[in-house]
Amino acid sequence: MNLLKTSAVVLLSALVLCISCKKDEDSSKLYLDGSLKITFPTYAAQGYTKSFSLDTLTTLSRDDDKPIGYYYVNPFTAVTDTLIEPDGTVRATKFSITVPYDTLGNIHLTLGVFSSDEYYGKTAGADFVVVKEGLDGKGSITGYDARTSDLKFIDSRDNRRYDAARVGSLWWMRQNLAWDGDGVAFRGYDVMSGVFGRFYTWNQAQTACPEGWRLPTEKDWNSLARAYDPEAAEGADYKGLATRIMGSLYFNGTRMWTYFKDMDIKNDSGLSVMPVGYAALATDDVFNFTALYTYAAFWTADQKDSQGLFRYLYQDRNIVYLGKADKDSFAATVRCVKDAE
């Protein structure tokens, strides 16, 4: 073997040895005992504040009982704040996170442990969504077209404002009812009531509308369908109606009705329907929510075979279907109507 080849072999051997030493060195690090966890409400409003106490977030310890350093990363400033230095110096044991009033969207909060020569570091995180109600283009729902022809009214029970569009001889609410005297908020977070509206069982929906308004009947839905198809029959599935009542809406910048080339959303009715899905009772008064972005469901005042009748839409079918469900274990959204004078 010549000198050049001998040198290459020696160099390669040294490199392999170095890598092997590095692996051995890394593998000698220890893992902290215990757990690290931080939580935040899945949906939070602007201005919301949550306080944390470090002793409720960690059970970590070292085998040698030496101190552990902790820090968190403020998701709104990207600043890393040290709570406890690795040498045990305590700067703070409590901290707070406040959602700024100029923030919307998906946020990630990080809590971490400083690594050392002897121990691996560790992090825990919490993902949440900042939301804001309102249809003025500054809230979570955008794409809503305010119209001068709308009827504007206030629900005297909670002073919440609504718009209504006239179709034929009826005024139809343009937003999902959000009255919190009954029903449940999306995934159980009350902050979502003013964003998606609330979800009511059929029995709850019968008395949910504000004074002067009522839950639409199948006859009312037929009147809506006949405004666009004079041949629409009461109790049928209404072909061609879905795109006339769907709204081209966005939730925190995400298109709600997924684009399909055969679904040309017109919303010429003004109902601005959003796909927030439905809820089904699981156990102990807890509802599971399904079909966000793909499905919309609205109770009617009618019933059949001891079940409540509802109208529903899919993302990719230009049809408003008629369905029926249990009166107490299925929850859907509500649009109220009022006779036009």
C-alpha atoms as a PDB file:
ATOM      1  CA  MET A   1       0.000   0.000   0.000  1.00  0.00           C
ATOM      2  CA  ASN A   2       1.474   3.359  -0.983  1.00  0.00           C
ATOM      3  CA  LEU A   3       1.762   6.333   1.331  1.00  0.00           C
ATOM      4  CA  LEU A   4      -1.291   8.115  -0.103  1.00  0.00           C
ATOM      5  CA  LYS A   5      -3.539   5.115   0.408  1.00  0.00           C
ATOM      6  CA  THR A   6      -2.106   4.535   3.901  1.00  0.00           C
ATOM      7  CA  SER A   7      -2.858   8.143   4.876  1.00  0.00           C
ATOM      8  CA  ALA A   8      -6.433   7.883   3.569  1.00  0.00           C
ATOM      9  CA  VAL A   9      -7.043   4.730   5.585  1.00  0.00           C
ATOM     10  CA  VAL A  10      -5.652   6.319   8.760  1.00  0.00           C
ATOM     11  CA  LEU A  11      -7.773   9.453   8.229  1.00  0.00           C
ATOM     12  CA  LEU A  12     -10.927   7.425   7.616  1.00  0.00           C
ATOM     13  CA  SER A  13     -10.265   5.305  10.688  1.00  0.00           C
ATOM     14  CA  ALA A  14      -9.800   8.416  12.794  1.00  0.00           C
ATOM     15  CA  LEU A  15     -13.024   9.884  11.472  1.00  0.00           C
ATOM     16  CA  VAL A  16     -14.978   6.728  12.263  1.00  0.00           C
ATOM     17  CA  LEU A  17     -13.394   6.637  15.723  1.00  0.00           C
ATOM     18  CA  CYS A  18     -14.304  10.292  16.274  1.00  0.00           C
ATOM     19  CA  ILE A  19     -17.933   9.683  15.271  1.00  0.00           C
ATOM     20  CA  SER A  20     -18.031   6.600  17.495  1.00  0.00           C
ATOM     21  CA  CYS A  21     -16.634   8.612  20.411  1.00  0.00           C
ATOM     22  CA  LYS A  22     -19.251  11.311  19.803  1.00  0.00           C
ATOM     23  CA  LYS A  23     -22.036   8.741  19.856  1.00  0.00           C
ATOM     24  CA  ASP A  24     -20.668   7.234  23.059  1.00  0.00           C
ATOM     25  CA  GLU A  25     -20.372  10.682  24.558  1.00  0.00           C
ATOM     26  CA  ASP A  26     -23.970  11.611  23.583  1.00  0.00           C
ATOM     27  CA  SER A  27     -25.354   8.277  24.767  1.00  0.00           C
ATOM     28  CA  SER A  28     -23.886   8.937  28.203  1.00  0.00           C
ATOM     29  CA  LYS A  29     -26.371  11.778  28.775  1.00  0.00           C
ATOM     30  CA  LEU A  30     -29.169  11.133  31.244  1.00  0.00           C
ATOM     31  CA  TYR A  31     -32.898  11.734  30.986  1.00  0.00           C
ATOM     32  CA  LEU A  32     -34.796  13.746  33.548  1.00  0.00           C
ATOM     33  CA  ASP A  33     -37.360  11.859  35.608  1.00  0.00           C
ATOM     34  CA  GLY A  34     -40.996  13.006  35.595  1.00  0.00           C
ATOM     35  CA  SER A  35     -43.131  15.006  33.182  1.00  0.00           C
ATOM     36  CA  LEU A  36     -43.485  18.502  31.740  1.00  0.00           C
ATOM     37  CA  LYS A  37     -46.846  19.748  30.446  1.00  0.00           C
ATOM     38  CA  ILE A  38     -48.520  23.047  29.595  1.00  0.00           C
ATOM     39  CA  THR A  39     -52.104  23.597  28.393  1.00  0.00           C
ATOM     40  CA  PHE A  40     -54.099  26.473  26.917  1.00  0.00           C
ATOM     41  CA  PRO A  41     -57.765  26.645  25.841  1.00  0.00           C
ATOM     42  CA  THR A  42     -58.066  25.359  22.265  1.00  0.00           C
ATOM     43  CA  TYR A  43     -59.912  28.563  21.314  1.00  0.00           C
ATOM     44  CA  ALA A  44     -59.157  31.884  22.974  1.00  0.00           C
ATOM     45  CA  ALA A  45     -60.427  35.410  22.408  1.00  0.00           C
ATOM     46  CA  GLN A  46     -58.255  38.464  21.922  1.00  0.00           C
ATOM     47  CA  GLY A  47     -57.428  39.919  25.336  1.00  0.00           C
ATOM     48  CA  TYR A  48     -57.677  36.554  27.082  1.00  0.00           C
ATOM     49  CA  THR A  49     -55.104  36.001  29.845  1.00  0.00           C
ATOM     50  CA  LYS A  50     -54.010  32.743  31.422  1.00  0.00           C
ATOM     51  CA  SER A  51     -51.644  32.513  34.379  1.00  0.00           C
ATOM     52  CA  PHE A  52     -49.332  29.582  35.074  1.00  0.00           C
ATOM     53  CA  SER A  53     -47.544  28.347  38.186  1.00  0.00           C
ATOM     54  CA  LEU A  54     -44.428  26.322  37.493  1.00  0.00           C
ATOM     55  CA  ASP A  55     -45.091  23.852  40.291  1.00  0.00           C
ATOM     56  CA  THR A  56     -48.278  22.712  38.499  1.00  0.00           C
ATOM     57  CA  LEU A  57     -46.544  22.242  35.145  1.00  0.00           C
ATOM     58  CA  THR A  58     -43.670  19.940  36.020  1.00  0.00           C
ATOM     59  CA  THR A  59     -42.662  16.935  38.109  1.00  0.00           C
ATOM     60  CA  LEU A  60     -39.155  16.756  36.625  1.00  0.00           C
ATOM     61  CA  SER A  61     -36.165  15.910  38.789  1.00  0.00           C
ATOM     62  CA  ARG A  62     -32.500  14.902  38.481  1.00  0.00           C
ATOM     63  CA  ASP A  63     -31.067  11.762  40.022  1.00  0.00           C
ATOM     64  CA  ASP A  64     -28.442  13.889  41.767  1.00  0.00           C
ATOM     65  CA  ASP A  65     -31.108  16.326  43.090  1.00  0.00           C
ATOM     66  CA  LYS A  66     -29.355  19.298  41.507  1.00  0.00           C
ATOM     67  CA  PRO A  67     -31.415  22.253  40.156  1.00  0.00           C
ATOM     68  CA  ILE A  68     -33.196  22.293  36.793  1.00  0.00           C
ATOM     69  CA  GLY A  69     -33.498  25.379  34.612  1.00  0.00           C
ATOM     70  CA  TYR A  70     -36.866  26.384  33.123  1.00  0.00           C
ATOM     71  CA  TYR A  71     -37.948  28.852  30.454  1.00  0.00           C
ATOM     72  CA  TYR A  72     -40.935  29.656  28.262  1.00  0.00           C
ATOM     73  CA  VAL A  73     -41.223  31.267  24.845  1.00  0.00           C
ATOM     74  CA  ASN A  74     -43.847  33.994  24.577  1.00  0.00           C
ATOM     75  CA  PRO A  75     -45.617  33.085  21.297  1.00  0.00           C
ATOM     76  CA  PHE A  76     -46.605  36.684  20.577  1.00  0.00           C
ATOM     77  CA  THR A  77     -43.176  38.290  21.040  1.00  0.00           C
ATOM     78  CA  ALA A  78     -40.908  35.279  20.332  1.00  0.00           C
ATOM     79  CA  VAL A  79     -38.974  36.274  23.469  1.00  0.00           C
ATOM     80  CA  THR A  80     -37.544  33.506  25.628  1.00  0.00           C
ATOM     81  CA  ASP A  81     -38.048  34.271  29.316  1.00  0.00           C
ATOM     82  CA  THR A  82     -36.037  32.356  31.886  1.00  0.00           C
ATOM     83  CA  LEU A  83     -37.921  31.308  34.988  1.00  0.00           C
ATOM     84  CA  ILE A  84     -35.193  29.374  36.784  1.00  0.00           C
ATOM     85  CA  GLU A  85     -31.515  29.360  35.796  1.00  0.00           C
ATOM     86  CA  PRO A  86     -29.774  25.976  35.471  1.00  0.00           C
ATOM     87  CA  ASP A  87     -27.787  26.820  38.594  1.00  0.00           C
ATOM     88  CA  GLY A  88     -31.016  27.136  40.586  1.00  0.00           C
ATOM     89  CA  THR A  89     -31.320  30.924  40.582  1.00  0.00           C
ATOM     90  CA  VAL A  90     -35.048  31.673  40.660  1.00  0.00           C
ATOM     91  CA  ARG A  91     -36.263  34.577  38.554  1.00  0.00           C
ATOM     92  CA  ALA A  92     -39.956  33.682  38.706  1.00  0.00           C
ATOM     93  CA  THR A  93     -42.158  30.702  39.454  1.00  0.00           C
ATOM     94  CA  LYS A  94     -45.280  32.158  37.855  1.00  0.00           C
ATOM     95  CA  PHE A  95     -45.996  33.779  34.505  1.00  0.00           C
ATOM     96  CA  SER A  96     -48.941  34.898  32.375  1.00  0.00           C
ATOM     97  CA  ILE A  97     -49.757  34.853  28.685  1.00  0.00           C
ATOM     98  CA  THR A  98     -52.102  37.537  27.304  1.00  0.00           C
ATOM     99  CA  VAL A  99     -53.496  37.328  23.776  1.00  0.00           C
ATOM    100  CA  PRO A 100     -52.915  40.656  21.962  1.00  0.00           C
ATOM    101  CA  TYR A 101     -55.859  42.467  20.382  1.00  0.00           C
ATOM    102  CA  ASP A 102     -54.186  42.473  16.976  1.00  0.00           C
ATOM    103  CA  THR A 103     -53.710  38.697  16.728  1.00  0.00           C
ATOM    104  CA  LEU A 104     -55.753  35.976  15.039  1.00  0.00           C
ATOM    105  CA  GLY A 105     -54.939  32.430  14.000  1.00  0.00           C
ATOM    106  CA  ASN A 106     -52.955  29.398  15.154  1.00  0.00           C
ATOM    107  CA  ILE A 107     -50.514  29.894  18.032  1.00  0.00           C
ATOM    108  CA  HIS A 108     -47.947  27.620  19.692  1.00  0.00           C
ATOM    109  CA  LEU A 109     -46.775  28.129  23.298  1.00  0.00           C
ATOM    110  CA  THR A 110     -43.532  26.462  24.468  1.00  0.00           C
ATOM    111  CA  LEU A 111     -42.314  25.593  27.957  1.00  0.00           C
ATOM    112  CA  GLY A 112     -38.806  24.183  28.173  1.00  0.00           C
ATOM    113  CA  VAL A 113     -36.009  22.839  30.337  1.00  0.00           C
ATOM    114  CA  PHE A 114     -32.406  23.929  29.872  1.00  0.00           C
ATOM    115  CA  SER A 115     -30.115  21.106  28.798  1.00  0.00           C
ATOM    116  CA  SER A 116     -26.765  20.525  30.457  1.00  0.00           C
ATOM    117  CA  ASP A 117     -23.658  18.428  29.937  1.00  0.00           C
ATOM    118  CA  GLU A 118     -25.213  15.641  31.999  1.00  0.00           C
ATOM    119  CA  TYR A 119     -28.907  15.769  31.052  1.00  0.00           C
ATOM    120  CA  TYR A 120     -31.000  16.165  27.917  1.00  0.00           C
ATOM    121  CA  GLY A 121     -33.293  19.162  27.667  1.00  0.00           C
ATOM    122  CA  LYS A 122     -37.041  18.811  27.311  1.00  0.00           C
ATOM    123  CA  THR A 123     -39.914  20.881  25.919  1.00  0.00           C
ATOM    124  CA  ALA A 124     -43.694  20.832  26.137  1.00  0.00           C
ATOM    125  CA  GLY A 125     -46.098  22.802  23.988  1.00  0.00           C
ATOM    126  CA  ALA A 126     -49.696  23.922  23.664  1.00  0.00           C
ATOM    127  CA  ASP A 127     -51.419  24.770  20.376  1.00  0.00           C
ATOM    128  CA  PHE A 128     -54.438  27.075  20.344  1.00  0.00           C
ATOM    129  CA  VAL A 129     -56.452  29.306  18.031  1.00  0.00           C
ATOM    130  CA  VAL A 130     -57.119  32.998  18.619  1.00  0.00           C
ATOM    131  CA  VAL A 131     -60.593  34.045  17.470  1.00  0.00           C
ATOM    132  CA  LYS A 132     -62.723  37.159  17.311  1.00  0.00           C
ATOM    133  CA  GLU A 133     -66.427  37.440  16.593  1.00  0.00           C
ATOM    134  CA  GLY A 134     -67.867  40.022  14.251  1.00  0.00           C
ATOM    135  CA  LEU A 135     -68.511  40.266  10.521  1.00  0.00           C
ATOM    136  CA  ASP A 136     -66.865  43.608   9.815  1.00  0.00           C
ATOM    137  CA  GLY A 137     -63.852  42.032   8.120  1.00  0.00           C
ATOM    138  CA  LYS A 138     -61.723  42.335  11.267  1.00  0.00           C
ATOM    139  CA  GLY A 139     -62.936  39.179  12.986  1.00  0.00           C
ATOM    140  CA  SER A 140     -62.271  35.483  12.434  1.00  0.00           C
ATOM    141  CA  ILE A 141     -65.016  35.206   9.813  1.00  0.00           C
ATOM    142  CA  THR A 142     -64.260  37.141   6.636  1.00  0.00           C
ATOM    143  CA  GLY A 143     -65.868  37.202   3.207  1.00  0.00           C
ATOM    144  CA  TYR A 144     -69.257  38.178   4.599  1.00  0.00           C
ATOM    145  CA  ASP A 145     -70.979  40.746   2.384  1.00  0.00           C
ATOM    146  CA  ALA A 146     -72.929  43.332   4.360  1.00  0.00           C
ATOM    147  CA  ARG A 147     -75.910  44.547   2.360  1.00  0.00           C
ATOM    148  CA  THR A 148     -77.948  47.731   2.623  1.00  0.00           C
ATOM    149  CA  SER A 149     -81.104  45.726   1.975  1.00  0.00           C
ATOM    150  CA  ASP A 150     -80.608  43.649   5.134  1.00  0.00           C
ATOM    151  CA  LEU A 151     -82.912  43.886   8.113  1.00  0.00           C
ATOM    152  CA  LYS A 152     -80.796  44.573  11.192  1.00  0.00           C
ATOM    153  CA  PHE A 153     -82.079  43.650  14.617  1.00  0.00           C
ATOM    154  CA  ILE A 154     -80.914  43.060  18.184  1.00  0.00           C
ATOM    155  CA  ASP A 155     -81.774  40.042  20.310  1.00  0.00           C
ATOM    156  CA  SER A 156     -83.000  41.703  23.511  1.00  0.00           C
ATOM    157  CA  ARG A 157     -81.953  38.680  25.595  1.00  0.00           C
ATOM    158  CA  ASP A 158     -78.226  39.292  25.128  1.00  0.00           C
ATOM    159  CA  ASN A 159     -78.025  42.424  22.925  1.00  0.00           C
ATOM    160  CA  ARG A 160     -76.398  40.428  20.136  1.00  0.00           C
ATOM    161  CA  ARG A 161     -76.826  41.934  16.659  1.00  0.00           C
ATOM    162  CA  TYR A 162     -77.983  40.032  13.587  1.00  0.00           C
ATOM    163  CA  ASP A 163     -78.660  40.677   9.908  1.00  0.00           C
ATOM    164  CA  ALA A 164     -81.568  39.156   8.000  1.00  0.00           C
ATOM    165  CA  ALA A 165     -82.117  38.753   4.253  1.00  0.00           C
ATOM    166  CA  ARG A 166     -85.524  38.826   2.655  1.00  0.00           C
ATOM    167  CA  VAL A 167     -86.433  35.937   0.359  1.00  0.00           C
ATOM    168  CA  GLY A 168     -90.021  36.019  -0.791  1.00  0.00           C
ATOM    169  CA  SER A 169     -92.329  36.775   2.119  1.00  0.00           C
ATOM    170  CA  LEU A 170     -89.805  35.855   4.837  1.00  0.00           C
ATOM    171  CA  TRP A 171     -86.825  37.395   6.560  1.00  0.00           C
ATOM    172  CA  TRP A 172     -84.080  34.792   7.122  1.00  0.00           C
ATOM    173  CA  MET A 173     -81.290  35.290   9.655  1.00  0.00           C
ATOM    174  CA  ARG A 174     -77.933  35.580   7.877  1.00  0.00           C
ATOM    175  CA  GLN A 175     -75.953  34.293  10.866  1.00  0.00           C
ATOM    176  CA  ASN A 176     -76.305  31.202  13.027  1.00  0.00           C
ATOM    177  CA  LEU A 177     -78.163  31.869  16.243  1.00  0.00           C
ATOM    178  CA  ALA A 178     -75.691  32.437  19.104  1.00  0.00           C
ATOM    179  CA  TRP A 179     -78.023  32.810  22.107  1.00  0.00           C
ATOM    180  CA  ASP A 180     -76.314  31.061  25.017  1.00  0.00           C
ATOM    181  CA  GLY A 181     -79.422  30.493  27.121  1.00  0.00           C
ATOM    182  CA  ASP A 182     -79.438  26.989  25.675  1.00  0.00           C
ATOM    183  CA  GLY A 183     -77.427  24.745  23.373  1.00  0.00           C
ATOM    184  CA  VAL A 184     -73.664  24.210  23.304  1.00  0.00           C
ATOM    185  CA  ALA A 185     -70.770  26.141  21.824  1.00  0.00           C
ATOM    186  CA  PHE A 186     -68.429  24.600  19.264  1.00  0.00           C
ATOM    187  CA  ARG A 187     -66.321  21.952  21.032  1.00  0.00           C
ATOM    188  CA  GLY A 188     -67.519  23.366  24.343  1.00  0.00           C
ATOM    189  CA  TYR A 189     -65.701  26.716  24.065  1.00  0.00           C
ATOM    190  CA  ASP A 190     -68.098  29.597  24.726  1.00  0.00           C
ATOM    191  CA  VAL A 191     -65.827  32.010  22.864  1.00  0.00           C
ATOM    192  CA  MET A 192     -66.916  30.223  19.663  1.00  0.00           C
ATOM    193  CA  SER A 193     -70.612  31.031  20.124  1.00  0.00           C
ATOM    194  CA  GLY A 194     -70.245  34.414  18.440  1.00  0.00           C
ATOM    195  CA  VAL A 195     -68.067  32.958  15.674  1.00  0.00           C
ATOM    196  CA  PHE A 196     -69.898  29.788  14.549  1.00  0.00           C
ATOM    197  CA  GLY A 197     -73.157  30.197  16.466  1.00  0.00           C
ATOM    198  CA  ARG A 198     -74.357  27.608  18.954  1.00  0.00           C
ATOM    199  CA  PHE A 199     -75.580  24.058  18.425  1.00  0.00           C
ATOM    200  CA  TYR A 200     -79.024  23.084  19.721  1.00  0.00           C
ATOM    201  CA  THR A 201     -80.956  19.847  19.989  1.00  0.00           C
ATOM    202  CA  TRP A 202     -84.338  19.793  18.244  1.00  0.00           C
ATOM    203  CA  ASN A 203     -86.141  20.233  21.556  1.00  0.00           C
ATOM    204  CA  GLN A 204     -83.927  23.182  22.475  1.00  0.00           C
ATOM    205  CA  ALA A 205     -84.319  24.755  19.036  1.00  0.00           C
ATOM    206  CA  GLN A 206     -88.105  24.971  19.362  1.00  0.00           C
ATOM    207  CA  THR A 207     -87.800  27.805  21.886  1.00  0.00           C
ATOM    208  CA  ALA A 208     -84.388  29.246  20.987  1.00  0.00           C
ATOM    209  CA  CYS A 209     -85.388  32.035  18.570  1.00  0.00           C
ATOM    210  CA  PRO A 210     -85.737  35.608  19.878  1.00  0.00           C
ATOM    211  CA  GLU A 211     -89.125  37.258  20.374  1.00  0.00           C
ATOM    212  CA  GLY A 212     -90.841  37.944  17.063  1.00  0.00           C
ATOM    213  CA  TRP A 213     -88.863  35.225  15.287  1.00  0.00           C
ATOM    214  CA  ARG A 214     -89.490  31.498  14.895  1.00  0.00           C
ATOM    215  CA  LEU A 215     -87.846  28.282  13.753  1.00  0.00           C
ATOM    216  CA  PRO A 216     -88.542  27.734  10.025  1.00  0.00           C
ATOM    217  CA  THR A 217     -90.943  24.980   9.032  1.00  0.00           C
ATOM    218  CA  GLU A 218     -90.619  22.656   6.067  1.00  0.00           C
ATOM    219  CA  LYS A 219     -93.138  24.934   4.354  1.00  0.00           C
ATOM    220  CA  ASP A 220     -90.762  27.862   4.900  1.00  0.00           C
ATOM    221  CA  TRP A 221     -87.852  25.909   3.387  1.00  0.00           C
ATOM    222  CA  ASN A 222     -90.031  25.049   0.430  1.00  0.00           C
ATOM    223  CA  SER A 223     -90.841  28.726  -0.017  1.00  0.00           C
ATOM    224  CA  LEU A 224     -87.095  29.454  -0.074  1.00  0.00           C
ATOM    225  CA  ALA A 225     -86.467  26.700  -2.636  1.00  0.00           C
ATOM    226  CA  ARG A 226     -89.340  27.832  -4.855  1.00  0.00           C
ATOM    227  CA  ALA A 227     -87.833  31.307  -5.079  1.00  0.00           C
ATOM    228  CA  TYR A 228     -85.218  29.676  -7.360  1.00  0.00           C
ATOM    229  CA  ASP A 229     -87.099  26.641  -8.633  1.00  0.00           C
ATOM    230  CA  PRO A 230     -90.894  27.043  -8.960  1.00  0.00           C
ATOM    231  CA  GLU A 231     -91.199  23.245  -9.303  1.00  0.00           C
ATOM    232  CA  ALA A 232     -89.592  22.497  -5.917  1.00  0.00           C
ATOM    233  CA  ALA A 233     -91.830  20.159  -3.929  1.00  0.00           C
ATOM    234  CA  GLU A 234     -92.303  20.379  -0.183  1.00  0.00           C
ATOM    235  CA  GLY A 235     -90.472  17.594   1.664  1.00  0.00           C
ATOM    236  CA  ALA A 236     -88.075  16.916  -1.229  1.00  0.00           C
ATOM    237  CA  ASP A 237     -84.322  17.391  -1.560  1.00  0.00           C
ATOM    238  CA  TYR A 238     -83.751  20.732  -3.277  1.00  0.00           C
ATOM    239  CA  LYS A 239     -81.329  20.458  -6.181  1.00  0.00           C
ATOM    240  CA  GLY A 240     -79.513  23.644  -7.141  1.00  0.00           C
ATOM    241  CA  LEU A 241     -80.312  25.429  -3.872  1.00  0.00           C
ATOM    242  CA  ALA A 242     -77.080  24.818  -1.934  1.00  0.00           C
ATOM    243  CA  THR A 243     -74.870  27.233  -3.896  1.00  0.00           C
ATOM    244  CA  ARG A 244     -77.547  29.908  -3.589  1.00  0.00           C
ATOM    245  CA  ILE A 245     -77.356  29.873   0.198  1.00  0.00           C
ATOM    246  CA  MET A 246     -73.668  28.996   0.778  1.00  0.00           C
ATOM    247  CA  GLY A 247     -71.381  31.893   1.712  1.00  0.00           C
ATOM    248  CA  SER A 248     -67.831  32.351   0.371  1.00  0.00           C
ATOM    249  CA  LEU A 249     -66.528  32.634   3.907  1.00  0.00           C
ATOM    250  CA  TYR A 250     -63.124  32.224   5.573  1.00  0.00           C
ATOM    251  CA  PHE A 251     -62.232  31.293   9.128  1.00  0.00           C
ATOM    252  CA  ASN A 252     -58.954  32.931  10.189  1.00  0.00           C
ATOM    253  CA  GLY A 253     -57.953  32.971   6.531  1.00  0.00           C
ATOM    254  CA  THR A 254     -58.952  29.382   5.740  1.00  0.00           C
ATOM    255  CA  ARG A 255     -61.625  28.915   3.076  1.00  0.00           C
ATOM    256  CA  MET A 256     -64.588  27.246   4.765  1.00  0.00           C
ATOM    257  CA  TRP A 257     -66.368  25.655   1.812  1.00  0.00           C
ATOM    258  CA  THR A 258     -63.592  23.790  -0.003  1.00  0.00           C
ATOM    259  CA  TYR A 259     -63.436  24.710  -3.682  1.00  0.00           C
ATOM    260  CA  PHE A 260     -65.082  22.335  -6.153  1.00  0.00           C
ATOM    261  CA  LYS A 261     -65.333  23.369  -9.800  1.00  0.00           C
ATOM    262  CA  ASP A 262     -68.970  22.286 -10.014  1.00  0.00           C
ATOM    263  CA  MET A 263     -69.912  24.323  -6.937  1.00  0.00           C
ATOM    264  CA  ASP A 264     -70.232  27.930  -8.079  1.00  0.00           C
ATOM    265  CA  ILE A 265     -71.173  29.648  -4.825  1.00  0.00           C
ATOM    266  CA  LYS A 266     -73.575  32.479  -5.617  1.00  0.00           C
ATOM    267  CA  ASN A 267     -75.184  33.224  -2.237  1.00  0.00           C
ATOM    268  CA  ASP A 268     -77.786  35.326  -4.049  1.00  0.00           C
ATOM    269  CA  SER A 269     -80.226  34.489  -1.241  1.00  0.00           C
ATOM    270  CA  GLY A 270     -77.909  36.244   1.221  1.00  0.00           C
ATOM    271  CA  LEU A 271     -78.151  33.446   3.794  1.00  0.00           C
ATOM    272  CA  SER A 272     -74.319  33.075   3.866  1.00  0.00           C
ATOM    273  CA  VAL A 273     -74.376  29.513   5.175  1.00  0.00           C
ATOM    274  CA  MET A 274     -71.083  28.356   6.731  1.00  0.00           C
ATOM    275  CA  PRO A 275     -69.986  24.702   7.109  1.00  0.00           C
ATOM    276  CA  VAL A 276     -69.573  24.269  10.850  1.00  0.00           C
ATOM    277  CA  GLY A 277     -70.835  20.684  10.963  1.00  0.00           C
ATOM    278  CA  TYR A 278     -73.001  19.183  13.685  1.00  0.00           C
ATOM    279  CA  ALA A 279     -72.686  17.569  17.101  1.00  0.00           C
ATOM    280  CA  ALA A 280     -73.710  14.197  18.506  1.00  0.00           C
ATOM    281  CA  LEU A 281     -74.169  13.398  22.174  1.00  0.00           C
ATOM    282  CA  ALA A 282     -71.450  11.113  23.511  1.00  0.00           C
ATOM    283  CA  THR A 283     -71.734  10.601  27.272  1.00  0.00           C
ATOM    284  CA  ASP A 284     -72.526  12.731  30.324  1.00  0.00           C
ATOM    285  CA  ASP A 285     -73.915  15.668  28.308  1.00  0.00           C
ATOM    286  CA  VAL A 286     -70.695  15.908  26.276  1.00  0.00           C
ATOM    287  CA  PHE A 287     -71.102  16.423  22.515  1.00  0.00           C
ATOM    288  CA  ASN A 288     -68.674  15.333  19.821  1.00  0.00           C
ATOM    289  CA  PHE A 289     -68.383  17.779  16.922  1.00  0.00           C
ATOM    290  CA  THR A 290     -68.031  16.558  13.346  1.00  0.00           C
ATOM    291  CA  ALA A 291     -67.693  17.785   9.747  1.00  0.00           C
ATOM    292  CA  LEU A 292     -66.262  21.279  10.155  1.00  0.00           C
ATOM    293  CA  TYR A 293     -65.678  22.785   6.680  1.00  0.00           C
ATOM    294  CA  THR A 294     -67.698  20.070   4.914  1.00  0.00           C
ATOM    295  CA  TYR A 295     -71.260  20.138   6.253  1.00  0.00           C
ATOM    296  CA  ALA A 296     -73.975  22.501   7.484  1.00  0.00           C
ATOM    297  CA  ALA A 297     -77.190  21.487   9.266  1.00  0.00           C
ATOM    298  CA  PHE A 298     -80.258  23.488  10.360  1.00  0.00           C
ATOM    299  CA  TRP A 299     -83.233  22.377  12.422  1.00  0.00           C
ATOM    300  CA  THR A 300     -86.769  22.834  11.195  1.00  0.00           C
ATOM    301  CA  ALA A 301     -89.839  23.109  13.413  1.00  0.00           C
ATOM    302  CA  ASP A 302     -91.244  19.860  12.021  1.00  0.00           C
ATOM    303  CA  GLN A 303     -90.925  16.232  13.019  1.00  0.00           C
ATOM    304  CA  LYS A 304     -91.533  12.802  11.575  1.00  0.00           C
ATOM    305  CA  ASP A 305     -91.540   9.344  13.130  1.00  0.00           C
ATOM    306  CA  SER A 306     -90.812  10.941  16.529  1.00  0.00           C
ATOM    307  CA  GLN A 307     -87.618  12.505  15.166  1.00  0.00           C
ATOM    308  CA  GLY A 308     -86.810  16.110  14.353  1.00  0.00           C
ATOM    309  CA  LEU A 309     -86.462  17.165  10.715  1.00  0.00           C
ATOM    310  CA  PHE A 310     -83.444  19.174   9.600  1.00  0.00           C
ATOM    311  CA  ARG A 311     -82.000  20.575   6.389  1.00  0.00           C
ATOM    312  CA  TYR A 312     -78.348  19.953   5.522  1.00  0.00           C
ATOM    313  CA  LEU A 313     -75.697  20.682   2.864  1.00  0.00           C
ATOM    314  CA  TYR A 314     -72.453  19.004   1.756  1.00  0.00           C
ATOM    315  CA  GLN A 315     -69.380  20.765   0.433  1.00  0.00           C
ATOM    316  CA  ASP A 316     -69.431  19.090  -2.990  1.00  0.00           C
ATOM    317  CA  ARG A 317     -73.133  18.673  -3.785  1.00  0.00           C
ATOM    318  CA  ASN A 318     -75.453  21.422  -4.940  1.00  0.00           C
ATOM    319  CA  ILE A 319     -78.396  19.996  -3.023  1.00  0.00           C
ATOM    320  CA  VAL A 320     -80.147  20.923   0.214  1.00  0.00           C
ATOM    321  CA  TYR A 321     -81.140  17.598   1.735  1.00  0.00           C
ATOM    322  CA  LEU A 322     -83.893  16.700   4.186  1.00  0.00           C
ATOM    323  CA  GLY A 323     -82.898  14.541   7.146  1.00  0.00           C
ATOM    324  CA  LYS A 324     -84.210  13.449  10.504  1.00  0.00           C
ATOM    325  CA  ALA A 325     -82.450  12.840  13.807  1.00  0.00           C
ATOM    326  CA  ASP A 326     -83.040  12.190  17.469  1.00  0.00           C
ATOM    327  CA  LYS A 327     -84.527  15.202  19.242  1.00  0.00           C
ATOM    328  CA  ASP A 328     -82.100  15.141  22.176  1.00  0.00           C
ATOM    329  CA  SER A 329     -78.820  13.570  21.047  1.00  0.00           C
ATOM    330  CA  PHE A 330     -78.188  15.421  17.756  1.00  0.00           C
ATOM    331  CA  ALA A 331     -77.290  19.126  17.772  1.00  0.00           C
ATOM    332  CA  ALA A 332     -77.459  21.432  14.751  1.00  0.00           C
ATOM    333  CA  THR A 333     -77.339  25.149  14.088  1.00  0.00           C
ATOM    334  CA  VAL A 334     -80.385  27.411  13.938  1.00  0.00           C
ATOM    335  CA  ARG A 335     -81.561  30.107  11.533  1.00  0.00           C
ATOM    336  CA  CYS A 336     -84.709  31.912  12.603  1.00  0.00           C
ATOM    337  CA  VAL A 337     -87.288  33.453  10.263  1.00  0.00           C
ATOM    338  CA  LYS A 338     -89.835  36.221  10.466  1.00  0.00           C
ATOM    339  CA  ASP A 339     -92.795  37.097   8.268  1.00  0.00           C
ATOM    340  CA  ALA A 340     -92.124  40.198   6.199  1.00  0.00           C
ATOM    341  CA  GLU A 341     -94.670  42.956   6.678  1.00  0.00           C
END
